[in-house]
Amino acid sequence: MDVIHCKSEVIIKNKKTGKVYKNEDEAKKDIQDSSTDTSESDIQRDVNIIVPELSLDGETD
């Protein structure tokens, strides 16, 4: 079986405010900031996997 190397990207977003965070640390700081009501359940993580084009010709090894 061939190994396929893929790129991935994670988008970290506040579900309530729509704010997109630069990274996990920024999201954690928002959760820990007592001046906001942001909790861990407000944080959404979307993972996109970018797969190179694959041959679907039906051949087997």
PDB file of N, CA and C in Angstrom:
ATOM      1  N   MET A   1       0.845  -1.169   0.000  1.00  0.00           N
ATOM      2  CA  MET A   1       0.000   0.000   0.000  1.00  0.00           C
ATOM      3  C   MET A   1       0.893   1.236   0.000  1.00  0.00           C
ATOM      4  N   ASP A   2       0.560   2.198  -0.833  1.00  0.00           N
ATOM      5  CA  ASP A   2       1.320   3.439  -0.913  1.00  0.00           C
ATOM      6  C   ASP A   2       0.937   4.366   0.235  1.00  0.00           C
ATOM      7  N   VAL A   3       1.915   5.124   0.688  1.00  0.00           N
ATOM      8  CA  VAL A   3       1.669   6.134   1.712  1.00  0.00           C
ATOM      9  C   VAL A   3       1.408   7.459   1.006  1.00  0.00           C
ATOM     10  N   ILE A   4       0.344   8.110   1.378  1.00  0.00           N
ATOM     11  CA  ILE A   4      -0.005   9.396   0.788  1.00  0.00           C
ATOM     12  C   ILE A   4       0.303  10.479   1.815  1.00  0.00           C
ATOM     13  N   HIS A   5       1.126  11.426   1.433  1.00  0.00           N
ATOM     14  CA  HIS A   5       1.455  12.542   2.322  1.00  0.00           C
ATOM     15  C   HIS A   5       0.497  13.686   2.034  1.00  0.00           C
ATOM     16  N   CYS A   6      -0.161  14.147   3.076  1.00  0.00           N
ATOM     17  CA  CYS A   6      -1.163  15.195   2.933  1.00  0.00           C
ATOM     18  C   CYS A   6      -0.812  16.388   3.811  1.00  0.00           C
ATOM     19  N   LYS A   7      -1.278  17.537   3.404  1.00  0.00           N
ATOM     20  CA  LYS A   7      -1.165  18.731   4.227  1.00  0.00           C
ATOM     21  C   LYS A   7      -2.464  18.865   5.017  1.00  0.00           C
ATOM     22  N   SER A   8      -2.369  19.512   6.149  1.00  0.00           N
ATOM     23  CA  SER A   8      -3.579  19.774   6.934  1.00  0.00           C
ATOM     24  C   SER A   8      -3.519  21.178   7.489  1.00  0.00           C
ATOM     25  N   GLU A   9      -4.684  21.721   7.780  1.00  0.00           N
ATOM     26  CA  GLU A   9      -4.768  23.027   8.417  1.00  0.00           C
ATOM     27  C   GLU A   9      -5.878  22.977   9.457  1.00  0.00           C
ATOM     28  N   VAL A  10      -5.659  23.659  10.564  1.00  0.00           N
ATOM     29  CA  VAL A  10      -6.644  23.708  11.632  1.00  0.00           C
ATOM     30  C   VAL A  10      -7.089  25.158  11.788  1.00  0.00           C
ATOM     31  N   ILE A  11      -8.386  25.365  11.760  1.00  0.00           N
ATOM     32  CA  ILE A  11      -8.956  26.697  11.978  1.00  0.00           C
ATOM     33  C   ILE A  11      -9.614  26.665  13.349  1.00  0.00           C
ATOM     34  N   ILE A  12      -9.153  27.541  14.235  1.00  0.00           N
ATOM     35  CA  ILE A  12      -9.661  27.603  15.610  1.00  0.00           C
ATOM     36  C   ILE A  12     -10.524  28.850  15.707  1.00  0.00           C
ATOM     37  N   LYS A  13     -11.774  28.661  16.121  1.00  0.00           N
ATOM     38  CA  LYS A  13     -12.755  29.746  16.054  1.00  0.00           C
ATOM     39  C   LYS A  13     -13.637  29.756  17.295  1.00  0.00           C
ATOM     40  N   ASN A  14     -14.046  30.935  17.719  1.00  0.00           N
ATOM     41  CA  ASN A  14     -14.991  31.092  18.811  1.00  0.00           C
ATOM     42  C   ASN A  14     -16.397  31.006  18.218  1.00  0.00           C
ATOM     43  N   LYS A  15     -17.184  30.017  18.649  1.00  0.00           N
ATOM     44  CA  LYS A  15     -18.529  29.809  18.101  1.00  0.00           C
ATOM     45  C   LYS A  15     -19.462  30.975  18.388  1.00  0.00           C
ATOM     46  N   LYS A  16     -19.286  31.627  19.534  1.00  0.00           N
ATOM     47  CA  LYS A  16     -20.181  32.734  19.914  1.00  0.00           C
ATOM     48  C   LYS A  16     -19.848  34.017  19.163  1.00  0.00           C
ATOM     49  N   THR A  17     -18.567  34.373  19.110  1.00  0.00           N
ATOM     50  CA  THR A  17     -18.171  35.669  18.565  1.00  0.00           C
ATOM     51  C   THR A  17     -17.719  35.610  17.110  1.00  0.00           C
ATOM     52  N   GLY A  18     -17.363  34.421  16.631  1.00  0.00           N
ATOM     53  CA  GLY A  18     -16.864  34.288  15.269  1.00  0.00           C
ATOM     54  C   GLY A  18     -15.385  34.607  15.124  1.00  0.00           C
ATOM     55  N   LYS A  19     -14.737  34.977  16.229  1.00  0.00           N
ATOM     56  CA  LYS A  19     -13.312  35.312  16.180  1.00  0.00           C
ATOM     57  C   LYS A  19     -12.499  34.084  15.780  1.00  0.00           C
ATOM     58  N   VAL A  20     -11.584  34.275  14.822  1.00  0.00           N
ATOM     59  CA  VAL A  20     -10.671  33.211  14.400  1.00  0.00           C
ATOM     60  C   VAL A  20      -9.341  33.459  15.108  1.00  0.00           C
ATOM     61  N   TYR A  21      -8.865  32.448  15.826  1.00  0.00           N
ATOM     62  CA  TYR A  21      -7.619  32.557  16.584  1.00  0.00           C
ATOM     63  C   TYR A  21      -6.427  32.165  15.711  1.00  0.00           C
ATOM     64  N   LYS A  22      -5.278  32.763  16.008  1.00  0.00           N
ATOM     65  CA  LYS A  22      -4.044  32.453  15.276  1.00  0.00           C
ATOM     66  C   LYS A  22      -3.562  31.045  15.589  1.00  0.00           C
ATOM     67  N   ASN A  23      -3.757  30.623  16.854  1.00  0.00           N
ATOM     68  CA  ASN A  23      -3.250  29.319  17.291  1.00  0.00           C
ATOM     69  C   ASN A  23      -3.941  28.915  18.598  1.00  0.00           C
ATOM     70  N   GLU A  24      -3.593  27.739  19.088  1.00  0.00           N
ATOM     71  CA  GLU A  24      -4.186  27.218  20.331  1.00  0.00           C
ATOM     72  C   GLU A  24      -3.895  28.132  21.520  1.00  0.00           C
ATOM     73  N   ASP A  25      -2.693  28.700  21.575  1.00  0.00           N
ATOM     74  CA  ASP A  25      -2.331  29.562  22.700  1.00  0.00           C
ATOM     75  C   ASP A  25      -3.246  30.778  22.802  1.00  0.00           C
ATOM     76  N   GLU A  26      -3.579  31.370  21.661  1.00  0.00           N
ATOM     77  CA  GLU A  26      -4.464  32.533  21.670  1.00  0.00           C
ATOM     78  C   GLU A  26      -5.860  32.143  22.168  1.00  0.00           C
ATOM     79  N   ALA A  27      -6.341  30.984  21.760  1.00  0.00           N
ATOM     80  CA  ALA A  27      -7.653  30.510  22.229  1.00  0.00           C
ATOM     81  C   ALA A  27      -7.618  30.256  23.728  1.00  0.00           C
ATOM     82  N   LYS A  28      -6.545  29.624  24.218  1.00  0.00           N
ATOM     83  CA  LYS A  28      -6.421  29.355  25.658  1.00  0.00           C
ATOM     84  C   LYS A  28      -6.377  30.646  26.466  1.00  0.00           C
ATOM     85  N   LYS A  29      -5.688  31.650  25.952  1.00  0.00           N
ATOM     86  CA  LYS A  29      -5.625  32.942  26.653  1.00  0.00           C
ATOM     87  C   LYS A  29      -7.011  33.568  26.753  1.00  0.00           C
ATOM     88  N   ASP A  30      -7.810  33.433  25.694  1.00  0.00           N
ATOM     89  CA  ASP A  30      -9.168  33.970  25.715  1.00  0.00           C
ATOM     90  C   ASP A  30     -10.019  33.243  26.758  1.00  0.00           C
ATOM     91  N   ILE A  31      -9.839  31.925  26.853  1.00  0.00           N
ATOM     92  CA  ILE A  31     -10.576  31.146  27.861  1.00  0.00           C
ATOM     93  C   ILE A  31     -10.176  31.574  29.266  1.00  0.00           C
ATOM     94  N   GLN A  32      -8.882  31.800  29.469  1.00  0.00           N
ATOM     95  CA  GLN A  32      -8.372  32.149  30.793  1.00  0.00           C
ATOM     96  C   GLN A  32      -8.606  33.621  31.159  1.00  0.00           C
ATOM     97  N   ASP A  33      -8.928  34.452  30.188  1.00  0.00           N
ATOM     98  CA  ASP A  33      -9.144  35.887  30.432  1.00  0.00           C
ATOM     99  C   ASP A  33     -10.444  36.088  31.204  1.00  0.00           C
ATOM    100  N   SER A  34     -10.335  36.615  32.403  1.00  0.00           N
ATOM    101  CA  SER A  34     -11.518  36.796  33.251  1.00  0.00           C
ATOM    102  C   SER A  34     -12.462  37.886  32.741  1.00  0.00           C
ATOM    103  N   SER A  35     -12.004  38.706  31.807  1.00  0.00           N
ATOM    104  CA  SER A  35     -12.873  39.753  31.270  1.00  0.00           C
ATOM    105  C   SER A  35     -13.761  39.241  30.127  1.00  0.00           C
ATOM    106  N   THR A  36     -13.577  37.969  29.727  1.00  0.00           N
ATOM    107  CA  THR A  36     -14.457  37.370  28.721  1.00  0.00           C
ATOM    108  C   THR A  36     -15.194  36.186  29.347  1.00  0.00           C
ATOM    109  N   ASP A  37     -16.311  35.817  28.748  1.00  0.00           N
ATOM    110  CA  ASP A  37     -17.046  34.645  29.247  1.00  0.00           C
ATOM    111  C   ASP A  37     -16.775  33.412  28.383  1.00  0.00           C
ATOM    112  N   THR A  38     -15.681  33.447  27.622  1.00  0.00           N
ATOM    113  CA  THR A  38     -15.327  32.330  26.743  1.00  0.00           C
ATOM    114  C   THR A  38     -14.952  31.100  27.559  1.00  0.00           C
ATOM    115  N   SER A  39     -15.533  29.950  27.173  1.00  0.00           N
ATOM    116  CA  SER A  39     -15.200  28.676  27.816  1.00  0.00           C
ATOM    117  C   SER A  39     -14.708  27.716  26.741  1.00  0.00           C
ATOM    118  N   GLU A  40     -14.153  26.598  27.166  1.00  0.00           N
ATOM    119  CA  GLU A  40     -13.645  25.597  26.224  1.00  0.00           C
ATOM    120  C   GLU A  40     -14.738  25.143  25.250  1.00  0.00           C
ATOM    121  N   SER A  41     -15.979  25.083  25.712  1.00  0.00           N
ATOM    122  CA  SER A  41     -17.072  24.633  24.836  1.00  0.00           C
ATOM    123  C   SER A  41     -17.412  25.657  23.747  1.00  0.00           C
ATOM    124  N   ASP A  42     -16.899  26.882  23.876  1.00  0.00           N
ATOM    125  CA  ASP A  42     -17.118  27.908  22.852  1.00  0.00           C
ATOM    126  C   ASP A  42     -16.119  27.802  21.701  1.00  0.00           C
ATOM    127  N   ILE A  43     -15.082  27.012  21.888  1.00  0.00           N
ATOM    128  CA  ILE A  43     -14.019  26.919  20.901  1.00  0.00           C
ATOM    129  C   ILE A  43     -14.307  25.785  19.922  1.00  0.00           C
ATOM    130  N   GLN A  44     -14.249  26.126  18.650  1.00  0.00           N
ATOM    131  CA  GLN A  44     -14.501  25.167  17.565  1.00  0.00           C
ATOM    132  C   GLN A  44     -13.202  24.971  16.799  1.00  0.00           C
ATOM    133  N   ARG A  45     -12.880  23.743  16.464  1.00  0.00           N
ATOM    134  CA  ARG A  45     -11.684  23.439  15.677  1.00  0.00           C
ATOM    135  C   ARG A  45     -12.110  22.703  14.409  1.00  0.00           C
ATOM    136  N   ASP A  46     -11.826  23.307  13.272  1.00  0.00           N
ATOM    137  CA  ASP A  46     -12.112  22.680  11.985  1.00  0.00           C
ATOM    138  C   ASP A  46     -10.789  22.220  11.391  1.00  0.00           C
ATOM    139  N   VAL A  47     -10.728  20.966  10.996  1.00  0.00           N
ATOM    140  CA  VAL A  47      -9.510  20.406  10.411  1.00  0.00           C
ATOM    141  C   VAL A  47      -9.772  20.122   8.937  1.00  0.00           C
ATOM    142  N   ASN A  48      -8.944  20.726   8.086  1.00  0.00           N
ATOM    143  CA  ASN A  48      -9.030  20.482   6.649  1.00  0.00           C
ATOM    144  C   ASN A  48      -7.832  19.642   6.238  1.00  0.00           C
ATOM    145  N   ILE A  49      -8.093  18.544   5.574  1.00  0.00           N
ATOM    146  CA  ILE A  49      -7.042  17.676   5.050  1.00  0.00           C
ATOM    147  C   ILE A  49      -6.979  17.906   3.541  1.00  0.00           C
ATOM    148  N   ILE A  50      -5.806  18.279   3.059  1.00  0.00           N
ATOM    149  CA  ILE A  50      -5.620  18.549   1.643  1.00  0.00           C
ATOM    150  C   ILE A  50      -4.916  17.335   1.036  1.00  0.00           C
ATOM    151  N   VAL A  51      -5.660  16.597   0.227  1.00  0.00           N
ATOM    152  CA  VAL A  51      -5.161  15.350  -0.354  1.00  0.00           C
ATOM    153  C   VAL A  51      -4.791  15.611  -1.812  1.00  0.00           C
ATOM    154  N   PRO A  52      -3.620  15.138  -2.223  1.00  0.00           N
ATOM    155  CA  PRO A  52      -3.261  15.296  -3.632  1.00  0.00           C
ATOM    156  C   PRO A  52      -4.200  14.480  -4.512  1.00  0.00           C
ATOM    157  N   GLU A  53      -4.243  14.829  -5.764  1.00  0.00           N
ATOM    158  CA  GLU A  53      -5.105  14.110  -6.701  1.00  0.00           C
ATOM    159  C   GLU A  53      -4.688  12.645  -6.751  1.00  0.00           C
ATOM    160  N   LEU A  54      -5.670  11.768  -6.699  1.00  0.00           N
ATOM    161  CA  LEU A  54      -5.416  10.332  -6.696  1.00  0.00           C
ATOM    162  C   LEU A  54      -5.929   9.697  -7.971  1.00  0.00           C
ATOM    163  N   SER A  55      -5.270   8.641  -8.397  1.00  0.00           N
ATOM    164  CA  SER A  55      -5.731   7.877  -9.540  1.00  0.00           C
ATOM    165  C   SER A  55      -6.804   6.905  -9.068  1.00  0.00           C
ATOM    166  N   LEU A  56      -7.929   6.916  -9.740  1.00  0.00           N
ATOM    167  CA  LEU A  56      -9.024   6.007  -9.382  1.00  0.00           C
ATOM    168  C   LEU A  56      -9.305   5.039 -10.532  1.00  0.00           C
ATOM    169  N   ASP A  57      -8.234   4.475 -11.095  1.00  0.00           N
ATOM    170  CA  ASP A  57      -8.388   3.608 -12.276  1.00  0.00           C
ATOM    171  C   ASP A  57      -8.758   2.174 -11.939  1.00  0.00           C
ATOM    172  N   GLY A  58      -8.825   1.829 -10.660  1.00  0.00           N
ATOM    173  CA  GLY A  58      -9.261   0.506 -10.254  1.00  0.00           C
ATOM    174  C   GLY A  58      -8.189  -0.561 -10.257  1.00  0.00           C
ATOM    175  N   GLU A  59      -6.942  -0.199 -10.542  1.00  0.00           N
ATOM    176  CA  GLU A  59      -5.870  -1.196 -10.525  1.00  0.00           C
ATOM    177  C   GLU A  59      -5.509  -1.536  -9.097  1.00  0.00           C
ATOM    178  N   THR A  60      -5.107  -2.797  -8.895  1.00  0.00           N
ATOM    179  CA  THR A  60      -4.636  -3.223  -7.574  1.00  0.00           C
ATOM    180  C   THR A  60      -3.188  -3.638  -7.672  1.00  0.00           C
ATOM    181  N   ASP A  61      -2.508  -3.644  -6.545  1.00  0.00           N
ATOM    182  CA  ASP A  61      -1.094  -4.041  -6.515  1.00  0.00           C
ATOM    183  C   ASP A  61      -0.950  -5.538  -6.490  1.00  0.00           C
TER     184      ASP A  61
END
